[in-house]
Amino acid sequence: MSEIDPKIDALIPAWMYLPDISEQWGVLVTEVRTMVKTGTLLAVRRGENKSLQVPADFIDTDGPVKHLVGTLTVLRDCGFSDQEILEWMFTEDPSLPGTPIQALRENRATEVKRRAQAMAL
């Protein structure tokens, strides 16, 4: 996990630490760390202490936002780095409208995945 680029960091309104996510979901922090290691969640090092943090918009009440895992897989299969994924997920797309993560949170995953798959072509 690399340290986040300040330009990309500025796109993301809020972050969560892994222990806070585990507490919210009612699971051990090791489970959240495993999700990061396996690519189910995307975390980057940021802040003064360079601790792992996940964009708060990726987190739902009891797990990752619906369709996030599949979208991350598609983007990684397209060759996107974690930094590029974050930039894409949090950059306004007038054709959606809004950002891809907003669309996922609003159950518009088909539109997001279609755009992600089109980038692989």
PDB file of N, CA and C in Angstrom:
ATOM      1  N   MET A   1       0.829  -1.176   0.000  1.00  0.00           N
ATOM      2  CA  MET A   1       0.000   0.000   0.000  1.00  0.00           C
ATOM      3  C   MET A   1       0.874   1.241   0.000  1.00  0.00           C
ATOM      4  N   SER A   2       0.635   2.041  -0.951  1.00  0.00           N
ATOM      5  CA  SER A   2       1.451   3.239  -1.079  1.00  0.00           C
ATOM      6  C   SER A   2       0.813   4.416  -0.349  1.00  0.00           C
ATOM      7  N   GLU A   3       1.626   5.437  -0.163  1.00  0.00           N
ATOM      8  CA  GLU A   3       1.123   6.674   0.431  1.00  0.00           C
ATOM      9  C   GLU A   3       0.349   7.417  -0.649  1.00  0.00           C
ATOM     10  N   ILE A   4      -0.739   8.049  -0.268  1.00  0.00           N
ATOM     11  CA  ILE A   4      -1.619   8.675  -1.248  1.00  0.00           C
ATOM     12  C   ILE A   4      -1.054   9.982  -1.779  1.00  0.00           C
ATOM     13  N   ASP A   5      -1.280  10.208  -3.059  1.00  0.00           N
ATOM     14  CA  ASP A   5      -0.915  11.450  -3.735  1.00  0.00           C
ATOM     15  C   ASP A   5      -1.816  12.559  -3.173  1.00  0.00           C
ATOM     16  N   PRO A   6      -1.252  13.714  -2.785  1.00  0.00           N
ATOM     17  CA  PRO A   6      -2.064  14.801  -2.214  1.00  0.00           C
ATOM     18  C   PRO A   6      -3.191  15.261  -3.140  1.00  0.00           C
ATOM     19  N   LYS A   7      -2.983  15.215  -4.452  1.00  0.00           N
ATOM     20  CA  LYS A   7      -4.015  15.626  -5.408  1.00  0.00           C
ATOM     21  C   LYS A   7      -5.223  14.686  -5.326  1.00  0.00           C
ATOM     22  N   ILE A   8      -4.962  13.395  -5.186  1.00  0.00           N
ATOM     23  CA  ILE A   8      -6.041  12.411  -5.079  1.00  0.00           C
ATOM     24  C   ILE A   8      -6.682  12.493  -3.698  1.00  0.00           C
ATOM     25  N   ASP A   9      -5.868  12.673  -2.669  1.00  0.00           N
ATOM     26  CA  ASP A   9      -6.370  12.804  -1.299  1.00  0.00           C
ATOM     27  C   ASP A   9      -7.401  13.928  -1.212  1.00  0.00           C
ATOM     28  N   ALA A  10      -7.163  15.021  -1.933  1.00  0.00           N
ATOM     29  CA  ALA A  10      -8.057  16.174  -1.895  1.00  0.00           C
ATOM     30  C   ALA A  10      -9.437  15.861  -2.495  1.00  0.00           C
ATOM     31  N   LEU A  11      -9.532  14.832  -3.336  1.00  0.00           N
ATOM     32  CA  LEU A  11     -10.815  14.462  -3.949  1.00  0.00           C
ATOM     33  C   LEU A  11     -11.738  13.736  -2.967  1.00  0.00           C
ATOM     34  N   ILE A  12     -11.158  13.141  -1.936  1.00  0.00           N
ATOM     35  CA  ILE A  12     -11.899  12.242  -1.058  1.00  0.00           C
ATOM     36  C   ILE A  12     -12.290  12.982   0.218  1.00  0.00           C
ATOM     37  N   PRO A  13     -13.606  13.132   0.453  1.00  0.00           N
ATOM     38  CA  PRO A  13     -14.057  13.983   1.556  1.00  0.00           C
ATOM     39  C   PRO A  13     -13.807  13.443   2.959  1.00  0.00           C
ATOM     40  N   ALA A  14     -13.821  12.125   3.146  1.00  0.00           N
ATOM     41  CA  ALA A  14     -13.674  11.580   4.502  1.00  0.00           C
ATOM     42  C   ALA A  14     -13.031  10.196   4.436  1.00  0.00           C
ATOM     43  N   TRP A  15     -12.312   9.873   5.502  1.00  0.00           N
ATOM     44  CA  TRP A  15     -11.583   8.610   5.597  1.00  0.00           C
ATOM     45  C   TRP A  15     -11.948   7.894   6.885  1.00  0.00           C
ATOM     46  N   MET A  16     -11.725   6.577   6.892  1.00  0.00           N
ATOM     47  CA  MET A  16     -11.930   5.786   8.107  1.00  0.00           C
ATOM     48  C   MET A  16     -10.704   4.917   8.363  1.00  0.00           C
ATOM     49  N   TYR A  17     -10.349   4.796   9.645  1.00  0.00           N
ATOM     50  CA  TYR A  17      -9.278   3.902  10.062  1.00  0.00           C
ATOM     51  C   TYR A  17      -9.838   2.483  10.136  1.00  0.00           C
ATOM     52  N   LEU A  18      -8.973   1.490   9.946  1.00  0.00           N
ATOM     53  CA  LEU A  18      -9.407   0.093   9.970  1.00  0.00           C
ATOM     54  C   LEU A  18     -10.087  -0.297  11.284  1.00  0.00           C
ATOM     55  N   PRO A  19      -9.561   0.117  12.459  1.00  0.00           N
ATOM     56  CA  PRO A  19     -10.253  -0.247  13.705  1.00  0.00           C
ATOM     57  C   PRO A  19     -11.674   0.329  13.790  1.00  0.00           C
ATOM     58  N   ASP A  20     -11.881   1.521  13.231  1.00  0.00           N
ATOM     59  CA  ASP A  20     -13.223   2.121  13.248  1.00  0.00           C
ATOM     60  C   ASP A  20     -14.182   1.339  12.352  1.00  0.00           C
ATOM     61  N   ILE A  21     -13.674   0.854  11.230  1.00  0.00           N
ATOM     62  CA  ILE A  21     -14.495   0.043  10.323  1.00  0.00           C
ATOM     63  C   ILE A  21     -14.870  -1.265  11.019  1.00  0.00           C
ATOM     64  N   SER A  22     -13.895  -1.906  11.656  1.00  0.00           N
ATOM     65  CA  SER A  22     -14.174  -3.181  12.332  1.00  0.00           C
ATOM     66  C   SER A  22     -15.208  -2.992  13.435  1.00  0.00           C
ATOM     67  N   GLU A  23     -15.117  -1.885  14.144  1.00  0.00           N
ATOM     68  CA  GLU A  23     -16.087  -1.610  15.203  1.00  0.00           C
ATOM     69  C   GLU A  23     -17.487  -1.412  14.615  1.00  0.00           C
ATOM     70  N   GLN A  24     -17.571  -0.661  13.527  1.00  0.00           N
ATOM     71  CA  GLN A  24     -18.876  -0.406  12.891  1.00  0.00           C
ATOM     72  C   GLN A  24     -19.509  -1.701  12.400  1.00  0.00           C
ATOM     73  N   TRP A  25     -18.693  -2.563  11.796  1.00  0.00           N
ATOM     74  CA  TRP A  25     -19.214  -3.808  11.243  1.00  0.00           C
ATOM     75  C   TRP A  25     -19.346  -4.921  12.277  1.00  0.00           C
ATOM     76  N   GLY A  26     -18.755  -4.734  13.461  1.00  0.00           N
ATOM     77  CA  GLY A  26     -18.822  -5.756  14.487  1.00  0.00           C
ATOM     78  C   GLY A  26     -17.950  -6.968  14.176  1.00  0.00           C
ATOM     79  N   VAL A  27     -16.795  -6.715  13.556  1.00  0.00           N
ATOM     80  CA  VAL A  27     -15.854  -7.796  13.238  1.00  0.00           C
ATOM     81  C   VAL A  27     -14.484  -7.445  13.816  1.00  0.00           C
ATOM     82  N   LEU A  28     -13.602  -8.422  13.857  1.00  0.00           N
ATOM     83  CA  LEU A  28     -12.245  -8.172  14.325  1.00  0.00           C
ATOM     84  C   LEU A  28     -11.499  -7.324  13.304  1.00  0.00           C
ATOM     85  N   VAL A  29     -10.587  -6.497  13.770  1.00  0.00           N
ATOM     86  CA  VAL A  29      -9.809  -5.650  12.865  1.00  0.00           C
ATOM     87  C   VAL A  29      -8.984  -6.504  11.900  1.00  0.00           C
ATOM     88  N   THR A  30      -8.627  -7.718  12.325  1.00  0.00           N
ATOM     89  CA  THR A  30      -7.871  -8.596  11.421  1.00  0.00           C
ATOM     90  C   THR A  30      -8.693  -8.967  10.188  1.00  0.00           C
ATOM     91  N   GLU A  31     -10.017  -9.053  10.343  1.00  0.00           N
ATOM     92  CA  GLU A  31     -10.875  -9.333   9.188  1.00  0.00           C
ATOM     93  C   GLU A  31     -10.842  -8.178   8.189  1.00  0.00           C
ATOM     94  N   VAL A  32     -10.838  -6.961   8.701  1.00  0.00           N
ATOM     95  CA  VAL A  32     -10.771  -5.788   7.825  1.00  0.00           C
ATOM     96  C   VAL A  32      -9.403  -5.739   7.137  1.00  0.00           C
ATOM     97  N   ARG A  33      -8.342  -6.034   7.882  1.00  0.00           N
ATOM     98  CA  ARG A  33      -7.001  -6.070   7.283  1.00  0.00           C
ATOM     99  C   ARG A  33      -6.928  -7.121   6.177  1.00  0.00           C
ATOM    100  N   THR A  34      -7.556  -8.267   6.395  1.00  0.00           N
ATOM    101  CA  THR A  34      -7.585  -9.321   5.380  1.00  0.00           C
ATOM    102  C   THR A  34      -8.317  -8.831   4.135  1.00  0.00           C
ATOM    103  N   MET A  35      -9.389  -8.089   4.320  1.00  0.00           N
ATOM    104  CA  MET A  35     -10.128  -7.546   3.173  1.00  0.00           C
ATOM    105  C   MET A  35      -9.240  -6.601   2.355  1.00  0.00           C
ATOM    106  N   VAL A  36      -8.412  -5.839   3.044  1.00  0.00           N
ATOM    107  CA  VAL A  36      -7.484  -4.942   2.348  1.00  0.00           C
ATOM    108  C   VAL A  36      -6.439  -5.774   1.595  1.00  0.00           C
ATOM    109  N   LYS A  37      -5.884  -6.787   2.261  1.00  0.00           N
ATOM    110  CA  LYS A  37      -4.848  -7.623   1.629  1.00  0.00           C
ATOM    111  C   LYS A  37      -5.372  -8.364   0.411  1.00  0.00           C
ATOM    112  N   THR A  38      -6.631  -8.808   0.468  1.00  0.00           N
ATOM    113  CA  THR A  38      -7.198  -9.575  -0.645  1.00  0.00           C
ATOM    114  C   THR A  38      -7.799  -8.689  -1.734  1.00  0.00           C
ATOM    115  N   GLY A  39      -7.843  -7.377  -1.502  1.00  0.00           N
ATOM    116  CA  GLY A  39      -8.361  -6.466  -2.513  1.00  0.00           C
ATOM    117  C   GLY A  39      -9.847  -6.208  -2.433  1.00  0.00           C
ATOM    118  N   THR A  40     -10.501  -6.754  -1.403  1.00  0.00           N
ATOM    119  CA  THR A  40     -11.932  -6.516  -1.223  1.00  0.00           C
ATOM    120  C   THR A  40     -12.188  -5.065  -0.824  1.00  0.00           C
ATOM    121  N   LEU A  41     -11.250  -4.496  -0.102  1.00  0.00           N
ATOM    122  CA  LEU A  41     -11.281  -3.079   0.275  1.00  0.00           C
ATOM    123  C   LEU A  41      -9.998  -2.428  -0.199  1.00  0.00           C
ATOM    124  N   LEU A  42     -10.061  -1.155  -0.480  1.00  0.00           N
ATOM    125  CA  LEU A  42      -8.877  -0.420  -0.908  1.00  0.00           C
ATOM    126  C   LEU A  42      -8.496   0.539   0.218  1.00  0.00           C
ATOM    127  N   ALA A  43      -7.277   0.417   0.699  1.00  0.00           N
ATOM    128  CA  ALA A  43      -6.767   1.301   1.749  1.00  0.00           C
ATOM    129  C   ALA A  43      -5.430   1.866   1.311  1.00  0.00           C
ATOM    130  N   VAL A  44      -5.152   3.077   1.751  1.00  0.00           N
ATOM    131  CA  VAL A  44      -3.863   3.714   1.464  1.00  0.00           C
ATOM    132  C   VAL A  44      -3.299   4.288   2.753  1.00  0.00           C
ATOM    133  N   ARG A  45      -2.005   4.538   2.744  1.00  0.00           N
ATOM    134  CA  ARG A  45      -1.353   5.155   3.899  1.00  0.00           C
ATOM    135  C   ARG A  45      -1.463   6.668   3.739  1.00  0.00           C
ATOM    136  N   ARG A  46      -1.914   7.311   4.806  1.00  0.00           N
ATOM    137  CA  ARG A  46      -2.048   8.765   4.763  1.00  0.00           C
ATOM    138  C   ARG A  46      -1.982   9.330   6.168  1.00  0.00           C
ATOM    139  N   GLY A  47      -1.839  10.638   6.243  1.00  0.00           N
ATOM    140  CA  GLY A  47      -1.758  11.312   7.530  1.00  0.00           C
ATOM    141  C   GLY A  47      -0.344  11.307   8.068  1.00  0.00           C
ATOM    142  N   GLU A  48      -0.172  11.980   9.193  1.00  0.00           N
ATOM    143  CA  GLU A  48       1.150  12.105   9.804  1.00  0.00           C
ATOM    144  C   GLU A  48       1.741  10.763  10.195  1.00  0.00           C
ATOM    145  N   ASN A  49       0.896   9.858  10.687  1.00  0.00           N
ATOM    146  CA  ASN A  49       1.422   8.567  11.139  1.00  0.00           C
ATOM    147  C   ASN A  49       1.375   7.506  10.043  1.00  0.00           C
ATOM    148  N   LYS A  50       0.966   7.902   8.842  1.00  0.00           N
ATOM    149  CA  LYS A  50       0.951   7.005   7.668  1.00  0.00           C
ATOM    150  C   LYS A  50       0.166   5.719   7.934  1.00  0.00           C
ATOM    151  N   SER A  51      -0.933   5.852   8.655  1.00  0.00           N
ATOM    152  CA  SER A  51      -1.748   4.676   8.953  1.00  0.00           C
ATOM    153  C   SER A  51      -2.680   4.361   7.790  1.00  0.00           C
ATOM    154  N   LEU A  52      -3.075   3.094   7.697  1.00  0.00           N
ATOM    155  CA  LEU A  52      -3.975   2.668   6.639  1.00  0.00           C
ATOM    156  C   LEU A  52      -5.356   3.260   6.859  1.00  0.00           C
ATOM    157  N   GLN A  53      -5.904   3.825   5.785  1.00  0.00           N
ATOM    158  CA  GLN A  53      -7.241   4.397   5.857  1.00  0.00           C
ATOM    159  C   GLN A  53      -7.993   4.053   4.570  1.00  0.00           C
ATOM    160  N   VAL A  54      -9.310   3.949   4.718  1.00  0.00           N
ATOM    161  CA  VAL A  54     -10.214   3.610   3.617  1.00  0.00           C
ATOM    162  C   VAL A  54     -11.141   4.804   3.404  1.00  0.00           C
ATOM    163  N   PRO A  55     -11.441   5.161   2.147  1.00  0.00           N
ATOM    164  CA  PRO A  55     -12.425   6.228   1.943  1.00  0.00           C
ATOM    165  C   PRO A  55     -13.745   5.869   2.634  1.00  0.00           C
ATOM    166  N   ALA A  56     -14.281   6.783   3.411  1.00  0.00           N
ATOM    167  CA  ALA A  56     -15.523   6.535   4.147  1.00  0.00           C
ATOM    168  C   ALA A  56     -16.669   6.178   3.208  1.00  0.00           C
ATOM    169  N   ASP A  57     -16.663   6.704   2.002  1.00  0.00           N
ATOM    170  CA  ASP A  57     -17.728   6.404   1.043  1.00  0.00           C
ATOM    171  C   ASP A  57     -17.718   4.949   0.582  1.00  0.00           C
ATOM    172  N   PHE A  58     -16.641   4.219   0.835  1.00  0.00           N
ATOM    173  CA  PHE A  58     -16.578   2.800   0.480  1.00  0.00           C
ATOM    174  C   PHE A  58     -17.260   1.923   1.535  1.00  0.00           C
ATOM    175  N   ILE A  59     -17.578   2.517   2.691  1.00  0.00           N
ATOM    176  CA  ILE A  59     -18.060   1.761   3.839  1.00  0.00           C
ATOM    177  C   ILE A  59     -19.560   1.952   4.019  1.00  0.00           C
ATOM    178  N   ASP A  60     -20.275   0.831   4.102  1.00  0.00           N
ATOM    179  CA  ASP A  60     -21.706   0.858   4.387  1.00  0.00           C
ATOM    180  C   ASP A  60     -21.903   0.362   5.816  1.00  0.00           C
ATOM    181  N   THR A  61     -23.111   0.329   6.274  1.00  0.00           N
ATOM    182  CA  THR A  61     -23.424  -0.036   7.654  1.00  0.00           C
ATOM    183  C   THR A  61     -22.810  -1.365   8.079  1.00  0.00           C
ATOM    184  N   ASP A  62     -22.918  -2.382   7.205  1.00  0.00           N
ATOM    185  CA  ASP A  62     -22.486  -3.719   7.618  1.00  0.00           C
ATOM    186  C   ASP A  62     -21.489  -4.369   6.670  1.00  0.00           C
ATOM    187  N   GLY A  63     -20.860  -3.567   5.819  1.00  0.00           N
ATOM    188  CA  GLY A  63     -19.865  -4.106   4.898  1.00  0.00           C
ATOM    189  C   GLY A  63     -19.492  -3.066   3.855  1.00  0.00           C
ATOM    190  N   PRO A  64     -18.712  -3.481   2.860  1.00  0.00           N
ATOM    191  CA  PRO A  64     -18.384  -2.543   1.786  1.00  0.00           C
ATOM    192  C   PRO A  64     -19.658  -2.141   1.038  1.00  0.00           C
ATOM    193  N   VAL A  65     -19.659  -0.969   0.442  1.00  0.00           N
ATOM    194  CA  VAL A  65     -20.790  -0.524  -0.359  1.00  0.00           C
ATOM    195  C   VAL A  65     -21.093  -1.587  -1.417  1.00  0.00           C
ATOM    196  N   LYS A  66     -22.365  -1.833  -1.628  1.00  0.00           N
ATOM    197  CA  LYS A  66     -22.796  -2.840  -2.599  1.00  0.00           C
ATOM    198  C   LYS A  66     -22.154  -2.553  -3.959  1.00  0.00           C
ATOM    199  N   HIS A  67     -21.640  -3.576  -4.588  1.00  0.00           N
ATOM    200  CA  HIS A  67     -20.996  -3.538  -5.910  1.00  0.00           C
ATOM    201  C   HIS A  67     -19.597  -2.928  -5.905  1.00  0.00           C
ATOM    202  N   LEU A  68     -19.105  -2.472  -4.750  1.00  0.00           N
ATOM    203  CA  LEU A  68     -17.754  -1.921  -4.699  1.00  0.00           C
ATOM    204  C   LEU A  68     -16.716  -2.982  -5.046  1.00  0.00           C
ATOM    205  N   VAL A  69     -16.850  -4.160  -4.468  1.00  0.00           N
ATOM    206  CA  VAL A  69     -15.856  -5.215  -4.662  1.00  0.00           C
ATOM    207  C   VAL A  69     -15.739  -5.560  -6.150  1.00  0.00           C
ATOM    208  N   GLY A  70     -16.863  -5.725  -6.824  1.00  0.00           N
ATOM    209  CA  GLY A  70     -16.848  -6.036  -8.253  1.00  0.00           C
ATOM    210  C   GLY A  70     -16.245  -4.920  -9.077  1.00  0.00           C
ATOM    211  N   THR A  71     -16.547  -3.689  -8.713  1.00  0.00           N
ATOM    212  CA  THR A  71     -15.994  -2.534  -9.432  1.00  0.00           C
ATOM    213  C   THR A  71     -14.488  -2.464  -9.246  1.00  0.00           C
ATOM    214  N   LEU A  72     -14.011  -2.695  -8.017  1.00  0.00           N
ATOM    215  CA  LEU A  72     -12.565  -2.696  -7.774  1.00  0.00           C
ATOM    216  C   LEU A  72     -11.883  -3.781  -8.609  1.00  0.00           C
ATOM    217  N   THR A  73     -12.513  -4.942  -8.702  1.00  0.00           N
ATOM    218  CA  THR A  73     -11.952  -6.041  -9.492  1.00  0.00           C
ATOM    219  C   THR A  73     -11.846  -5.654 -10.960  1.00  0.00           C
ATOM    220  N   VAL A  74     -12.906  -5.074 -11.511  1.00  0.00           N
ATOM    221  CA  VAL A  74     -12.894  -4.654 -12.920  1.00  0.00           C
ATOM    222  C   VAL A  74     -11.783  -3.636 -13.160  1.00  0.00           C
ATOM    223  N   LEU A  75     -11.668  -2.657 -12.283  1.00  0.00           N
ATOM    224  CA  LEU A  75     -10.647  -1.617 -12.457  1.00  0.00           C
ATOM    225  C   LEU A  75      -9.237  -2.193 -12.347  1.00  0.00           C
ATOM    226  N   ARG A  76      -9.038  -3.106 -11.405  1.00  0.00           N
ATOM    227  CA  ARG A  76      -7.709  -3.732 -11.281  1.00  0.00           C
ATOM    228  C   ARG A  76      -7.409  -4.580 -12.516  1.00  0.00           C
ATOM    229  N   ASP A  77      -8.428  -5.274 -13.035  1.00  0.00           N
ATOM    230  CA  ASP A  77      -8.250  -6.064 -14.254  1.00  0.00           C
ATOM    231  C   ASP A  77      -7.911  -5.180 -15.451  1.00  0.00           C
ATOM    232  N   CYS A  78      -8.344  -3.918 -15.392  1.00  0.00           N
ATOM    233  CA  CYS A  78      -8.017  -2.943 -16.444  1.00  0.00           C
ATOM    234  C   CYS A  78      -6.595  -2.408 -16.289  1.00  0.00           C
ATOM    235  N   GLY A  79      -5.929  -2.788 -15.195  1.00  0.00           N
ATOM    236  CA  GLY A  79      -4.562  -2.342 -14.965  1.00  0.00           C
ATOM    237  C   GLY A  79      -4.436  -1.088 -14.125  1.00  0.00           C
ATOM    238  N   PHE A  80      -5.531  -0.654 -13.509  1.00  0.00           N
ATOM    239  CA  PHE A  80      -5.488   0.539 -12.674  1.00  0.00           C
ATOM    240  C   PHE A  80      -4.737   0.259 -11.382  1.00  0.00           C
ATOM    241  N   SER A  81      -3.923   1.214 -10.955  1.00  0.00           N
ATOM    242  CA  SER A  81      -3.286   1.144  -9.637  1.00  0.00           C
ATOM    243  C   SER A  81      -4.310   1.610  -8.601  1.00  0.00           C
ATOM    244  N   ASP A  82      -4.017   1.385  -7.326  1.00  0.00           N
ATOM    245  CA  ASP A  82      -4.924   1.843  -6.274  1.00  0.00           C
ATOM    246  C   ASP A  82      -5.138   3.351  -6.351  1.00  0.00           C
ATOM    247  N   GLN A  83      -4.078   4.092  -6.625  1.00  0.00           N
ATOM    248  CA  GLN A  83      -4.198   5.560  -6.736  1.00  0.00           C
ATOM    249  C   GLN A  83      -5.123   5.936  -7.889  1.00  0.00           C
ATOM    250  N   GLU A  84      -4.959   5.259  -9.027  1.00  0.00           N
ATOM    251  CA  GLU A  84      -5.801   5.546 -10.190  1.00  0.00           C
ATOM    252  C   GLU A  84      -7.254   5.170  -9.932  1.00  0.00           C
ATOM    253  N   ILE A  85      -7.457   4.087  -9.201  1.00  0.00           N
ATOM    254  CA  ILE A  85      -8.827   3.687  -8.844  1.00  0.00           C
ATOM    255  C   ILE A  85      -9.477   4.773  -7.994  1.00  0.00           C
ATOM    256  N   LEU A  86      -8.765   5.240  -6.979  1.00  0.00           N
ATOM    257  CA  LEU A  86      -9.314   6.295  -6.124  1.00  0.00           C
ATOM    258  C   LEU A  86      -9.629   7.549  -6.932  1.00  0.00           C
ATOM    259  N   GLU A  87      -8.703   7.923  -7.791  1.00  0.00           N
ATOM    260  CA  GLU A  87      -8.932   9.124  -8.600  1.00  0.00           C
ATOM    261  C   GLU A  87     -10.177   8.944  -9.469  1.00  0.00           C
ATOM    262  N   TRP A  88     -10.321   7.806 -10.112  1.00  0.00           N
ATOM    263  CA  TRP A  88     -11.467   7.556 -10.988  1.00  0.00           C
ATOM    264  C   TRP A  88     -12.774   7.520 -10.194  1.00  0.00           C
ATOM    265  N   MET A  89     -12.751   6.846  -9.047  1.00  0.00           N
ATOM    266  CA  MET A  89     -13.974   6.687  -8.243  1.00  0.00           C
ATOM    267  C   MET A  89     -14.487   8.011  -7.685  1.00  0.00           C
ATOM    268  N   PHE A  90     -13.575   8.971  -7.459  1.00  0.00           N
ATOM    269  CA  PHE A  90     -13.969  10.231  -6.826  1.00  0.00           C
ATOM    270  C   PHE A  90     -13.905  11.444  -7.764  1.00  0.00           C
ATOM    271  N   THR A  91     -13.771  11.201  -9.063  1.00  0.00           N
ATOM    272  CA  THR A  91     -13.758  12.300 -10.025  1.00  0.00           C
ATOM    273  C   THR A  91     -15.127  12.404 -10.688  1.00  0.00           C
ATOM    274  N   GLU A  92     -15.643  13.615 -10.749  1.00  0.00           N
ATOM    275  CA  GLU A  92     -16.954  13.856 -11.370  1.00  0.00           C
ATOM    276  C   GLU A  92     -16.981  13.312 -12.791  1.00  0.00           C
ATOM    277  N   ASP A  93     -18.080  12.663 -13.130  1.00  0.00           N
ATOM    278  CA  ASP A  93     -18.309  12.166 -14.486  1.00  0.00           C
ATOM    279  C   ASP A  93     -19.670  12.697 -14.924  1.00  0.00           C
ATOM    280  N   PRO A  94     -19.679  13.716 -15.794  1.00  0.00           N
ATOM    281  CA  PRO A  94     -20.945  14.335 -16.203  1.00  0.00           C
ATOM    282  C   PRO A  94     -21.928  13.342 -16.829  1.00  0.00           C
ATOM    283  N   SER A  95     -21.418  12.249 -17.394  1.00  0.00           N
ATOM    284  CA  SER A  95     -22.313  11.282 -18.021  1.00  0.00           C
ATOM    285  C   SER A  95     -23.033  10.407 -16.994  1.00  0.00           C
ATOM    286  N   LEU A  96     -22.599  10.410 -15.729  1.00  0.00           N
ATOM    287  CA  LEU A  96     -23.275   9.569 -14.731  1.00  0.00           C
ATOM    288  C   LEU A  96     -24.582  10.162 -14.204  1.00  0.00           C
ATOM    289  N   PRO A  97     -24.768  11.315 -13.789  1.00  0.00           N
ATOM    290  CA  PRO A  97     -23.860  12.371 -13.328  1.00  0.00           C
ATOM    291  C   PRO A  97     -23.346  12.075 -11.912  1.00  0.00           C
ATOM    292  N   GLY A  98     -22.341  12.850 -11.512  1.00  0.00           N
ATOM    293  CA  GLY A  98     -21.719  12.665 -10.209  1.00  0.00           C
ATOM    294  C   GLY A  98     -20.460  11.841 -10.340  1.00  0.00           C
ATOM    295  N   THR A  99     -20.004  11.322  -9.228  1.00  0.00           N
ATOM    296  CA  THR A  99     -18.809  10.490  -9.232  1.00  0.00           C
ATOM    297  C   THR A  99     -19.220   9.019  -9.281  1.00  0.00           C
ATOM    298  N   PRO A 100     -18.326   8.143  -9.742  1.00  0.00           N
ATOM    299  CA  PRO A 100     -18.662   6.721  -9.731  1.00  0.00           C
ATOM    300  C   PRO A 100     -19.043   6.193  -8.340  1.00  0.00           C
ATOM    301  N   ILE A 101     -18.376   6.652  -7.286  1.00  0.00           N
ATOM    302  CA  ILE A 101     -18.729   6.150  -5.957  1.00  0.00           C
ATOM    303  C   ILE A 101     -20.115   6.629  -5.547  1.00  0.00           C
ATOM    304  N   GLN A 102     -20.494   7.839  -5.934  1.00  0.00           N
ATOM    305  CA  GLN A 102     -21.858   8.303  -5.646  1.00  0.00           C
ATOM    306  C   GLN A 102     -22.869   7.411  -6.356  1.00  0.00           C
ATOM    307  N   ALA A 103     -22.569   7.065  -7.605  1.00  0.00           N
ATOM    308  CA  ALA A 103     -23.468   6.206  -8.369  1.00  0.00           C
ATOM    309  C   ALA A 103     -23.599   4.834  -7.712  1.00  0.00           C
ATOM    310  N   LEU A 104     -22.494   4.263  -7.228  1.00  0.00           N
ATOM    311  CA  LEU A 104     -22.568   2.969  -6.538  1.00  0.00           C
ATOM    312  C   LEU A 104     -23.440   3.079  -5.289  1.00  0.00           C
ATOM    313  N   ARG A 105     -23.249   4.141  -4.538  1.00  0.00           N
ATOM    314  CA  ARG A 105     -24.013   4.323  -3.297  1.00  0.00           C
ATOM    315  C   ARG A 105     -25.500   4.524  -3.585  1.00  0.00           C
ATOM    316  N   GLU A 106     -25.834   4.966  -4.812  1.00  0.00           N
ATOM    317  CA  GLU A 106     -27.227   5.184  -5.208  1.00  0.00           C
ATOM    318  C   GLU A 106     -27.771   3.997  -6.025  1.00  0.00           C
ATOM    319  N   ASN A 107     -27.120   2.848  -5.933  1.00  0.00           N
ATOM    320  CA  ASN A 107     -27.533   1.633  -6.646  1.00  0.00           C
ATOM    321  C   ASN A 107     -27.575   1.814  -8.163  1.00  0.00           C
ATOM    322  N   ARG A 108     -26.614   2.549  -8.697  1.00  0.00           N
ATOM    323  CA  ARG A 108     -26.485   2.696 -10.148  1.00  0.00           C
ATOM    324  C   ARG A 108     -25.210   2.000 -10.607  1.00  0.00           C
ATOM    325  N   ALA A 109     -25.004   0.793 -10.116  1.00  0.00           N
ATOM    326  CA  ALA A 109     -23.769   0.051 -10.360  1.00  0.00           C
ATOM    327  C   ALA A 109     -23.595  -0.331 -11.818  1.00  0.00           C
ATOM    328  N   THR A 110     -24.683  -0.616 -12.524  1.00  0.00           N
ATOM    329  CA  THR A 110     -24.575  -1.026 -13.924  1.00  0.00           C
ATOM    330  C   THR A 110     -23.873   0.047 -14.743  1.00  0.00           C
ATOM    331  N   GLU A 111     -24.251   1.293 -14.524  1.00  0.00           N
ATOM    332  CA  GLU A 111     -23.629   2.401 -15.258  1.00  0.00           C
ATOM    333  C   GLU A 111     -22.132   2.497 -14.942  1.00  0.00           C
ATOM    334  N   VAL A 112     -21.802   2.337 -13.670  1.00  0.00           N
ATOM    335  CA  VAL A 112     -20.399   2.444 -13.243  1.00  0.00           C
ATOM    336  C   VAL A 112     -19.572   1.307 -13.848  1.00  0.00           C
ATOM    337  N   LYS A 113     -20.065   0.090 -13.737  1.00  0.00           N
ATOM    338  CA  LYS A 113     -19.321  -1.064 -14.269  1.00  0.00           C
ATOM    339  C   LYS A 113     -19.184  -0.982 -15.789  1.00  0.00           C
ATOM    340  N   ARG A 114     -20.203  -0.486 -16.460  1.00  0.00           N
ATOM    341  CA  ARG A 114     -20.126  -0.331 -17.918  1.00  0.00           C
ATOM    342  C   ARG A 114     -18.986   0.617 -18.300  1.00  0.00           C
ATOM    343  N   ARG A 115     -18.869   1.723 -17.575  1.00  0.00           N
ATOM    344  CA  ARG A 115     -17.791   2.679 -17.853  1.00  0.00           C
ATOM    345  C   ARG A 115     -16.425   2.080 -17.529  1.00  0.00           C
ATOM    346  N   ALA A 116     -16.358   1.341 -16.424  1.00  0.00           N
ATOM    347  CA  ALA A 116     -15.099   0.716 -16.029  1.00  0.00           C
ATOM    348  C   ALA A 116     -14.676  -0.320 -17.066  1.00  0.00           C
ATOM    349  N   GLN A 117     -15.614  -1.134 -17.532  1.00  0.00           N
ATOM    350  CA  GLN A 117     -15.281  -2.162 -18.531  1.00  0.00           C
ATOM    351  C   GLN A 117     -14.884  -1.541 -19.855  1.00  0.00           C
ATOM    352  N   ALA A 118     -15.495  -0.424 -20.203  1.00  0.00           N
ATOM    353  CA  ALA A 118     -15.177   0.259 -21.466  1.00  0.00           C
ATOM    354  C   ALA A 118     -13.724   0.756 -21.467  1.00  0.00           C
ATOM    355  N   MET A 119     -13.215   1.064 -20.304  1.00  0.00           N
ATOM    356  CA  MET A 119     -11.821   1.543 -20.231  1.00  0.00           C
ATOM    357  C   MET A 119     -10.830   0.425 -20.526  1.00  0.00           C
ATOM    358  N   ALA A 120     -11.266  -0.816 -20.374  1.00  0.00           N
ATOM    359  CA  ALA A 120     -10.365  -1.959 -20.621  1.00  0.00           C
ATOM    360  C   ALA A 120     -10.256  -2.262 -22.106  1.00  0.00           C
ATOM    361  N   LEU A 121     -11.191  -1.779 -22.904  1.00  0.00           N
ATOM    362  CA  LEU A 121     -11.201  -2.086 -24.335  1.00  0.00           C
ATOM    363  C   LEU A 121     -10.195  -1.293 -25.114  1.00  0.00           C
TER     364      LEU A 121
END
